Amino acid sequence: MNRGTLLCMVAAMLFLAVGCKTSHSAGAFATVEMKSLEDGTVTVGDYRGKVVLVNFWATWCEPCKVEIPWLIEMQSKYAAKGFTVLGIAMDEEGKPVVAPFVAKERYEVNGQKQAMNYPIVVGNEKVAAKFGGLLGYPTSVLISRDGRVLKRTTGLIDYDATTKMIEGAL
């Protein structure tokens, strides 16, 4: 095996590892400040004691729109047990684009049209960097009650596997 082939294989394994289960402290991103759509300041640390699914998304991202009904359903199903989705909108235009989108859009969930029922904040590259950077949208990070990263997924989440992980963390 030549050196070039070996380097390609290592790069491919690292790329695949992005979506694999990890378990490390959320320290770097627990204190990063983001603006809510109501102009308040929000940090991931504000949700300590809850299981949090941080979801990086954008209004123009079609796979994100596929995932939103699943996130609405998870929020409805698990919120009372100490879970929340935290949507981090990454639109460059920020709140002027995100707020009207969130107010207007409705998604088919269990036969009913529903709005996004979880907190939405506006992110930026600084926020993304604190989470280790983003390779694409959506990107989701599941965080335990004590702030450990349980799983990071680039691309659409696997609904069944994610709900099982949430249930296990609750």
C-alpha atoms as a PDB file:
ATOM      1  CA  MET A   1       0.000   0.000   0.000  1.00  0.00           C
ATOM      2  CA  ASN A   2       1.499   3.340  -0.985  1.00  0.00           C
ATOM      3  CA  ARG A   3       1.557   6.431   1.198  1.00  0.00           C
ATOM      4  CA  GLY A   4      -1.150   8.252  -0.819  1.00  0.00           C
ATOM      5  CA  THR A   5      -3.595   5.361  -0.456  1.00  0.00           C
ATOM      6  CA  LEU A   6      -2.911   5.169   3.271  1.00  0.00           C
ATOM      7  CA  LEU A   7      -3.516   8.899   3.707  1.00  0.00           C
ATOM      8  CA  CYS A   8      -6.795   8.654   1.777  1.00  0.00           C
ATOM      9  CA  MET A   9      -7.934   5.773   3.990  1.00  0.00           C
ATOM     10  CA  VAL A  10      -7.074   7.673   7.172  1.00  0.00           C
ATOM     11  CA  ALA A  11      -8.907  10.774   5.884  1.00  0.00           C
ATOM     12  CA  ALA A  12     -11.969   8.662   5.035  1.00  0.00           C
ATOM     13  CA  MET A  13     -11.992   7.097   8.502  1.00  0.00           C
ATOM     14  CA  LEU A  14     -11.767  10.526  10.130  1.00  0.00           C
ATOM     15  CA  PHE A  15     -14.628  11.796   7.967  1.00  0.00           C
ATOM     16  CA  LEU A  16     -16.793   8.828   8.941  1.00  0.00           C
ATOM     17  CA  ALA A  17     -15.920   9.313  12.604  1.00  0.00           C
ATOM     18  CA  VAL A  18     -17.633  12.709  12.638  1.00  0.00           C
ATOM     19  CA  GLY A  19     -21.024  11.023  12.980  1.00  0.00           C
ATOM     20  CA  CYS A  20     -19.873   8.374  15.419  1.00  0.00           C
ATOM     21  CA  LYS A  21     -20.655   8.363  19.110  1.00  0.00           C
ATOM     22  CA  THR A  22     -18.394  10.486  21.240  1.00  0.00           C
ATOM     23  CA  SER A  23     -18.366  11.147  24.944  1.00  0.00           C
ATOM     24  CA  HIS A  24     -16.486  14.232  26.007  1.00  0.00           C
ATOM     25  CA  SER A  25     -17.189  17.343  28.020  1.00  0.00           C
ATOM     26  CA  ALA A  26     -19.214  20.163  26.539  1.00  0.00           C
ATOM     27  CA  GLY A  27     -16.938  22.691  28.278  1.00  0.00           C
ATOM     28  CA  ALA A  28     -15.900  24.667  25.180  1.00  0.00           C
ATOM     29  CA  PHE A  29     -19.423  25.388  24.015  1.00  0.00           C
ATOM     30  CA  ALA A  30     -21.351  25.475  27.301  1.00  0.00           C
ATOM     31  CA  THR A  31     -20.730  29.202  27.731  1.00  0.00           C
ATOM     32  CA  VAL A  32     -20.843  30.475  24.144  1.00  0.00           C
ATOM     33  CA  GLU A  33     -23.537  33.159  23.933  1.00  0.00           C
ATOM     34  CA  MET A  34     -26.230  33.156  21.253  1.00  0.00           C
ATOM     35  CA  LYS A  35     -29.175  35.489  20.685  1.00  0.00           C
ATOM     36  CA  SER A  36     -32.701  34.155  20.950  1.00  0.00           C
ATOM     37  CA  LEU A  37     -35.389  35.354  18.554  1.00  0.00           C
ATOM     38  CA  GLU A  38     -36.720  37.369  21.498  1.00  0.00           C
ATOM     39  CA  ASP A  39     -33.299  39.140  21.765  1.00  0.00           C
ATOM     40  CA  GLY A  40     -32.301  37.367  24.966  1.00  0.00           C
ATOM     41  CA  THR A  41     -28.915  35.744  25.516  1.00  0.00           C
ATOM     42  CA  VAL A  42     -28.829  31.937  25.588  1.00  0.00           C
ATOM     43  CA  THR A  43     -26.033  29.458  26.321  1.00  0.00           C
ATOM     44  CA  VAL A  44     -26.047  25.676  26.189  1.00  0.00           C
ATOM     45  CA  GLY A  45     -25.114  25.846  29.880  1.00  0.00           C
ATOM     46  CA  ASP A  46     -28.565  27.351  30.525  1.00  0.00           C
ATOM     47  CA  TYR A  47     -29.919  23.847  29.827  1.00  0.00           C
ATOM     48  CA  ARG A  48     -27.600  21.996  32.236  1.00  0.00           C
ATOM     49  CA  GLY A  49     -29.584  19.239  33.902  1.00  0.00           C
ATOM     50  CA  LYS A  50     -31.489  18.547  30.682  1.00  0.00           C
ATOM     51  CA  VAL A  51     -30.694  16.313  27.746  1.00  0.00           C
ATOM     52  CA  VAL A  52     -30.200  18.697  24.819  1.00  0.00           C
ATOM     53  CA  LEU A  53     -30.221  18.018  21.103  1.00  0.00           C
ATOM     54  CA  VAL A  54     -28.415  20.996  19.563  1.00  0.00           C
ATOM     55  CA  ASN A  55     -29.446  21.269  15.920  1.00  0.00           C
ATOM     56  CA  PHE A  56     -27.554  23.527  13.500  1.00  0.00           C
ATOM     57  CA  TRP A  57     -29.833  24.375  10.573  1.00  0.00           C
ATOM     58  CA  ALA A  58     -30.694  27.076   8.039  1.00  0.00           C
ATOM     59  CA  THR A  59     -33.947  28.276   6.492  1.00  0.00           C
ATOM     60  CA  TRP A  60     -32.692  27.463   2.972  1.00  0.00           C
ATOM     61  CA  CYS A  61     -31.505  23.935   3.878  1.00  0.00           C
ATOM     62  CA  GLU A  62     -33.821  21.292   2.391  1.00  0.00           C
ATOM     63  CA  PRO A  63     -32.535  18.375   4.551  1.00  0.00           C
ATOM     64  CA  CYS A  64     -33.082  20.604   7.607  1.00  0.00           C
ATOM     65  CA  LYS A  65     -36.736  20.991   6.593  1.00  0.00           C
ATOM     66  CA  VAL A  66     -37.037  17.195   6.388  1.00  0.00           C
ATOM     67  CA  GLU A  67     -35.711  16.877   9.934  1.00  0.00           C
ATOM     68  CA  ILE A  68     -37.765  19.641  11.591  1.00  0.00           C
ATOM     69  CA  PRO A  69     -40.968  17.556  11.995  1.00  0.00           C
ATOM     70  CA  TRP A  70     -38.909  14.883  13.779  1.00  0.00           C
ATOM     71  CA  LEU A  71     -37.486  17.525  16.120  1.00  0.00           C
ATOM     72  CA  ILE A  72     -40.968  18.892  16.828  1.00  0.00           C
ATOM     73  CA  GLU A  73     -42.128  15.374  17.682  1.00  0.00           C
ATOM     74  CA  MET A  74     -39.120  14.726  19.943  1.00  0.00           C
ATOM     75  CA  GLN A  75     -39.707  18.028  21.762  1.00  0.00           C
ATOM     76  CA  SER A  76     -43.367  17.168  22.316  1.00  0.00           C
ATOM     77  CA  LYS A  77     -42.633  13.629  23.450  1.00  0.00           C
ATOM     78  CA  TYR A  78     -39.684  14.219  25.796  1.00  0.00           C
ATOM     79  CA  ALA A  79     -39.818  17.840  27.052  1.00  0.00           C
ATOM     80  CA  ALA A  80     -41.670  16.921  30.250  1.00  0.00           C
ATOM     81  CA  LYS A  81     -38.947  14.360  31.031  1.00  0.00           C
ATOM     82  CA  GLY A  82     -36.111  16.898  30.934  1.00  0.00           C
ATOM     83  CA  PHE A  83     -35.237  17.154  27.234  1.00  0.00           C
ATOM     84  CA  THR A  84     -35.078  20.000  24.775  1.00  0.00           C
ATOM     85  CA  VAL A  85     -34.098  20.609  21.205  1.00  0.00           C
ATOM     86  CA  LEU A  86     -32.066  23.790  20.779  1.00  0.00           C
ATOM     87  CA  GLY A  87     -32.210  24.987  17.183  1.00  0.00           C
ATOM     88  CA  ILE A  88     -29.259  27.117  16.098  1.00  0.00           C
ATOM     89  CA  ALA A  89     -30.152  28.926  12.876  1.00  0.00           C
ATOM     90  CA  MET A  90     -27.041  29.629  10.807  1.00  0.00           C
ATOM     91  CA  ASP A  91     -28.524  31.948   8.174  1.00  0.00           C
ATOM     92  CA  GLU A  92     -26.039  34.734   7.410  1.00  0.00           C
ATOM     93  CA  GLU A  93     -28.854  37.307   7.499  1.00  0.00           C
ATOM     94  CA  GLY A  94     -29.711  36.282  11.062  1.00  0.00           C
ATOM     95  CA  LYS A  95     -32.921  37.194  12.856  1.00  0.00           C
ATOM     96  CA  PRO A  96     -34.495  39.223   9.986  1.00  0.00           C
ATOM     97  CA  VAL A  97     -34.732  35.990   7.967  1.00  0.00           C
ATOM     98  CA  VAL A  98     -35.057  33.402  10.735  1.00  0.00           C
ATOM     99  CA  ALA A  99     -37.827  34.997  12.849  1.00  0.00           C
ATOM    100  CA  PRO A 100     -40.378  35.308   9.992  1.00  0.00           C
ATOM    101  CA  PHE A 101     -39.550  31.767   8.835  1.00  0.00           C
ATOM    102  CA  VAL A 102     -40.152  30.317  12.308  1.00  0.00           C
ATOM    103  CA  ALA A 103     -43.358  32.345  12.730  1.00  0.00           C
ATOM    104  CA  LYS A 104     -44.794  31.296   9.351  1.00  0.00           C
ATOM    105  CA  GLU A 105     -43.709  27.708   8.616  1.00  0.00           C
ATOM    106  CA  ARG A 106     -45.794  24.735   9.705  1.00  0.00           C
ATOM    107  CA  TYR A 107     -44.818  21.080   9.476  1.00  0.00           C
ATOM    108  CA  GLU A 108     -46.817  17.885   9.217  1.00  0.00           C
ATOM    109  CA  VAL A 109     -46.410  16.008  12.507  1.00  0.00           C
ATOM    110  CA  ASN A 110     -48.671  13.063  13.323  1.00  0.00           C
ATOM    111  CA  GLY A 111     -51.362  14.304  10.938  1.00  0.00           C
ATOM    112  CA  GLN A 112     -51.365  17.904  12.173  1.00  0.00           C
ATOM    113  CA  LYS A 113     -49.643  21.087  10.997  1.00  0.00           C
ATOM    114  CA  GLN A 114     -47.376  22.310  13.780  1.00  0.00           C
ATOM    115  CA  ALA A 115     -44.955  25.174  14.350  1.00  0.00           C
ATOM    116  CA  MET A 116     -41.423  24.688  15.607  1.00  0.00           C
ATOM    117  CA  ASN A 117     -42.035  24.136  19.328  1.00  0.00           C
ATOM    118  CA  TYR A 118     -38.480  24.352  20.617  1.00  0.00           C
ATOM    119  CA  PRO A 119     -36.113  27.244  21.335  1.00  0.00           C
ATOM    120  CA  ILE A 120     -34.438  28.814  18.308  1.00  0.00           C
ATOM    121  CA  VAL A 121     -31.325  30.953  18.570  1.00  0.00           C
ATOM    122  CA  VAL A 122     -29.215  32.655  15.916  1.00  0.00           C
ATOM    123  CA  GLY A 123     -25.727  31.258  15.480  1.00  0.00           C
ATOM    124  CA  ASN A 124     -22.625  32.294  13.577  1.00  0.00           C
ATOM    125  CA  GLU A 125     -19.185  30.948  12.704  1.00  0.00           C
ATOM    126  CA  LYS A 126     -17.895  31.664  16.233  1.00  0.00           C
ATOM    127  CA  VAL A 127     -20.660  29.506  17.690  1.00  0.00           C
ATOM    128  CA  ALA A 128     -20.006  26.749  15.136  1.00  0.00           C
ATOM    129  CA  ALA A 129     -16.284  26.821  15.938  1.00  0.00           C
ATOM    130  CA  LYS A 130     -17.013  26.237  19.642  1.00  0.00           C
ATOM    131  CA  PHE A 131     -18.837  23.056  18.606  1.00  0.00           C
ATOM    132  CA  GLY A 132     -15.820  21.880  16.602  1.00  0.00           C
ATOM    133  CA  GLY A 133     -16.883  23.418  13.276  1.00  0.00           C
ATOM    134  CA  LEU A 134     -19.510  22.281  10.820  1.00  0.00           C
ATOM    135  CA  LEU A 135     -19.106  20.210   7.677  1.00  0.00           C
ATOM    136  CA  GLY A 136     -22.680  20.811   6.550  1.00  0.00           C
ATOM    137  CA  TYR A 137     -26.308  21.214   7.567  1.00  0.00           C
ATOM    138  CA  PRO A 138     -28.039  19.904   9.436  1.00  0.00           C
ATOM    139  CA  THR A 139     -25.559  19.034  12.172  1.00  0.00           C
ATOM    140  CA  SER A 140     -26.855  17.738  15.482  1.00  0.00           C
ATOM    141  CA  VAL A 141     -25.089  17.272  18.813  1.00  0.00           C
ATOM    142  CA  LEU A 142     -26.762  15.283  21.604  1.00  0.00           C
ATOM    143  CA  ILE A 143     -25.634  16.448  25.046  1.00  0.00           C
ATOM    144  CA  SER A 144     -26.258  14.611  28.330  1.00  0.00           C
ATOM    145  CA  ARG A 145     -27.697  16.157  31.498  1.00  0.00           C
ATOM    146  CA  ASP A 146     -24.156  16.651  32.823  1.00  0.00           C
ATOM    147  CA  GLY A 147     -22.868  18.300  29.650  1.00  0.00           C
ATOM    148  CA  ARG A 148     -21.152  15.384  27.894  1.00  0.00           C
ATOM    149  CA  VAL A 149     -21.443  15.003  24.140  1.00  0.00           C
ATOM    150  CA  LEU A 150     -23.167  11.678  23.504  1.00  0.00           C
ATOM    151  CA  LYS A 151     -23.396  11.832  19.715  1.00  0.00           C
ATOM    152  CA  ARG A 152     -22.635  14.184  16.854  1.00  0.00           C
ATOM    153  CA  THR A 153     -24.291  13.741  13.473  1.00  0.00           C
ATOM    154  CA  THR A 154     -23.566  15.620  10.262  1.00  0.00           C
ATOM    155  CA  GLY A 155     -26.543  15.288   7.931  1.00  0.00           C
ATOM    156  CA  LEU A 156     -29.972  13.935   8.741  1.00  0.00           C
ATOM    157  CA  ILE A 157     -30.270  12.242  12.092  1.00  0.00           C
ATOM    158  CA  ASP A 158     -31.458   8.652  12.279  1.00  0.00           C
ATOM    159  CA  TYR A 159     -34.807   9.198  14.003  1.00  0.00           C
ATOM    160  CA  ASP A 160     -35.023   5.778  15.671  1.00  0.00           C
ATOM    161  CA  ALA A 161     -31.400   5.705  16.873  1.00  0.00           C
ATOM    162  CA  THR A 162     -31.642   9.285  18.159  1.00  0.00           C
ATOM    163  CA  THR A 163     -34.869   8.693  20.092  1.00  0.00           C
ATOM    164  CA  LYS A 164     -33.314   5.581  21.669  1.00  0.00           C
ATOM    165  CA  MET A 165     -30.275   7.618  22.730  1.00  0.00           C
ATOM    166  CA  ILE A 166     -32.516  10.353  24.136  1.00  0.00           C
ATOM    167  CA  GLU A 167     -34.559   7.796  26.081  1.00  0.00           C
ATOM    168  CA  GLY A 168     -31.364   6.216  27.412  1.00  0.00           C
ATOM    169  CA  ALA A 169     -30.026   9.610  28.536  1.00  0.00           C
ATOM    170  CA  LEU A 170     -33.262  10.594  30.268  1.00  0.00           C
END
